[in-house]
Amino acid sequence: MQFVSAFAVYFVIWWITLFAILPIGMKTQAEVEEVVPGSVESAPARFRGGRVVFWTTLVSGLIFGGWYAASTWFGIGIDSLPNIVPKFD
């Protein structure tokens, strides 16, 4: 697999993982009872961008590693899906 293709797959996995990890551990301003005037109550009370980026990179790296191992060493890819999914008549 070429570097650009691998990077593109990792990039897509990273963005999907970002939106899965983003709400984990978030507390809203309403939960903390410190609503800033002019903002929505559901806005984050304290955004921790560094922590979110770290966990997103770690989890997406594990997912990408699993995908890379499955596609490179075991030969499982998009073309294998028709053989994995059962046929319904």
C-alpha atoms as a PDB file:
ATOM      1  CA  MET A   1       0.000   0.000   0.000  1.00  0.00           C
ATOM      2  CA  GLN A   2       1.307   3.390  -0.886  1.00  0.00           C
ATOM      3  CA  PHE A   3       1.884   6.057   1.740  1.00  0.00           C
ATOM      4  CA  VAL A   4      -0.729   8.448   0.340  1.00  0.00           C
ATOM      5  CA  SER A   5      -3.429   5.743   0.362  1.00  0.00           C
ATOM      6  CA  ALA A   6      -2.566   4.709   3.920  1.00  0.00           C
ATOM      7  CA  PHE A   7      -2.597   8.339   5.045  1.00  0.00           C
ATOM      8  CA  ALA A   8      -5.999   8.897   3.414  1.00  0.00           C
ATOM      9  CA  VAL A   9      -7.470   5.898   5.226  1.00  0.00           C
ATOM     10  CA  TYR A  10      -5.934   7.023   8.521  1.00  0.00           C
ATOM     11  CA  PHE A  11      -7.286  10.547   7.991  1.00  0.00           C
ATOM     12  CA  VAL A  12     -10.836   9.270   7.496  1.00  0.00           C
ATOM     13  CA  ILE A  13     -10.558   6.982  10.539  1.00  0.00           C
ATOM     14  CA  TRP A  14      -9.167   9.874  12.609  1.00  0.00           C
ATOM     15  CA  TRP A  15     -12.117  12.184  11.785  1.00  0.00           C
ATOM     16  CA  ILE A  16     -14.720   9.521  12.493  1.00  0.00           C
ATOM     17  CA  THR A  17     -12.995   8.709  15.785  1.00  0.00           C
ATOM     18  CA  LEU A  18     -12.823  12.412  16.668  1.00  0.00           C
ATOM     19  CA  PHE A  19     -16.595  12.760  16.553  1.00  0.00           C
ATOM     20  CA  ALA A  20     -16.990   9.582  18.614  1.00  0.00           C
ATOM     21  CA  ILE A  21     -14.556  10.736  21.328  1.00  0.00           C
ATOM     22  CA  LEU A  22     -15.477  14.430  21.409  1.00  0.00           C
ATOM     23  CA  PRO A  23     -18.496  14.148  23.772  1.00  0.00           C
ATOM     24  CA  ILE A  24     -16.805  11.745  26.217  1.00  0.00           C
ATOM     25  CA  GLY A  25     -16.266  13.463  29.558  1.00  0.00           C
ATOM     26  CA  MET A  26     -17.704  16.789  28.430  1.00  0.00           C
ATOM     27  CA  LYS A  27     -19.633  18.812  30.972  1.00  0.00           C
ATOM     28  CA  THR A  28     -21.962  21.533  29.810  1.00  0.00           C
ATOM     29  CA  GLN A  29     -22.191  24.984  31.327  1.00  0.00           C
ATOM     30  CA  ALA A  30     -25.651  24.081  32.643  1.00  0.00           C
ATOM     31  CA  GLU A  31     -24.257  21.041  34.500  1.00  0.00           C
ATOM     32  CA  VAL A  32     -21.527  23.127  36.121  1.00  0.00           C
ATOM     33  CA  GLU A  33     -24.009  25.979  36.700  1.00  0.00           C
ATOM     34  CA  GLU A  34     -21.634  28.588  35.251  1.00  0.00           C
ATOM     35  CA  VAL A  35     -23.441  29.822  32.151  1.00  0.00           C
ATOM     36  CA  VAL A  36     -21.544  32.619  30.428  1.00  0.00           C
ATOM     37  CA  PRO A  37     -23.909  35.405  29.337  1.00  0.00           C
ATOM     38  CA  GLY A  38     -24.507  35.281  25.598  1.00  0.00           C
ATOM     39  CA  SER A  39     -23.671  31.589  25.227  1.00  0.00           C
ATOM     40  CA  VAL A  40     -25.843  28.518  25.029  1.00  0.00           C
ATOM     41  CA  GLU A  41     -26.303  26.417  28.172  1.00  0.00           C
ATOM     42  CA  SER A  42     -25.221  23.295  26.274  1.00  0.00           C
ATOM     43  CA  ALA A  43     -21.811  24.780  25.415  1.00  0.00           C
ATOM     44  CA  PRO A  44     -18.839  23.030  27.013  1.00  0.00           C
ATOM     45  CA  ALA A  45     -17.848  24.455  30.367  1.00  0.00           C
ATOM     46  CA  ARG A  46     -14.187  23.695  29.724  1.00  0.00           C
ATOM     47  CA  PHE A  47     -12.972  22.433  26.372  1.00  0.00           C
ATOM     48  CA  ARG A  48      -9.952  20.162  26.571  1.00  0.00           C
ATOM     49  CA  GLY A  49      -8.699  20.077  23.002  1.00  0.00           C
ATOM     50  CA  GLY A  50      -5.323  18.540  23.751  1.00  0.00           C
ATOM     51  CA  ARG A  51      -6.856  15.596  25.568  1.00  0.00           C
ATOM     52  CA  VAL A  52      -9.385  15.026  22.774  1.00  0.00           C
ATOM     53  CA  VAL A  53      -6.665  15.102  20.092  1.00  0.00           C
ATOM     54  CA  PHE A  54      -4.457  12.732  22.112  1.00  0.00           C
ATOM     55  CA  TRP A  55      -7.179  10.118  22.650  1.00  0.00           C
ATOM     56  CA  THR A  56      -8.417  10.463  19.070  1.00  0.00           C
ATOM     57  CA  THR A  57      -4.917   9.860  17.721  1.00  0.00           C
ATOM     58  CA  LEU A  58      -4.358   6.887  20.025  1.00  0.00           C
ATOM     59  CA  VAL A  59      -7.681   5.161  19.287  1.00  0.00           C
ATOM     60  CA  SER A  60      -7.547   5.855  15.553  1.00  0.00           C
ATOM     61  CA  GLY A  61      -3.993   4.498  15.470  1.00  0.00           C
ATOM     62  CA  LEU A  62      -5.206   1.252  17.032  1.00  0.00           C
ATOM     63  CA  ILE A  63      -8.109   1.012  14.582  1.00  0.00           C
ATOM     64  CA  PHE A  64      -5.820   1.756  11.638  1.00  0.00           C
ATOM     65  CA  GLY A  65      -3.310  -0.821  12.857  1.00  0.00           C
ATOM     66  CA  GLY A  66      -6.047  -3.444  13.036  1.00  0.00           C
ATOM     67  CA  TRP A  67      -7.268  -2.545   9.570  1.00  0.00           C
ATOM     68  CA  TYR A  68      -3.735  -2.570   8.166  1.00  0.00           C
ATOM     69  CA  ALA A  69      -2.992  -5.969   9.691  1.00  0.00           C
ATOM     70  CA  ALA A  70      -6.264  -7.411   8.405  1.00  0.00           C
ATOM     71  CA  SER A  71      -5.709  -6.096   4.902  1.00  0.00           C
ATOM     72  CA  THR A  72      -1.987  -6.768   4.597  1.00  0.00           C
ATOM     73  CA  TRP A  73      -1.368 -10.019   6.444  1.00  0.00           C
ATOM     74  CA  PHE A  74      -4.783 -11.691   6.304  1.00  0.00           C
ATOM     75  CA  GLY A  75      -5.916 -10.415   2.904  1.00  0.00           C
ATOM     76  CA  ILE A  76      -9.263  -9.126   4.165  1.00  0.00           C
ATOM     77  CA  GLY A  77     -10.477  -6.144   2.159  1.00  0.00           C
ATOM     78  CA  ILE A  78     -13.479  -4.634   0.443  1.00  0.00           C
ATOM     79  CA  ASP A  79     -13.521  -7.487  -2.078  1.00  0.00           C
ATOM     80  CA  SER A  80     -13.916  -9.976   0.796  1.00  0.00           C
ATOM     81  CA  LEU A  81     -17.209  -8.509   2.024  1.00  0.00           C
ATOM     82  CA  PRO A  82     -19.462 -10.524  -0.298  1.00  0.00           C
ATOM     83  CA  ASN A  83     -17.894 -13.689   1.127  1.00  0.00           C
ATOM     84  CA  ILE A  84     -18.319 -12.593   4.743  1.00  0.00           C
ATOM     85  CA  VAL A  85     -21.912 -11.370   4.542  1.00  0.00           C
ATOM     86  CA  PRO A  86     -24.400 -14.261   4.168  1.00  0.00           C
ATOM     87  CA  LYS A  87     -26.529 -14.460   1.040  1.00  0.00           C
ATOM     88  CA  PHE A  88     -30.265 -14.084   1.483  1.00  0.00           C
ATOM     89  CA  ASP A  89     -32.440 -15.739  -1.127  1.00  0.00           C
END
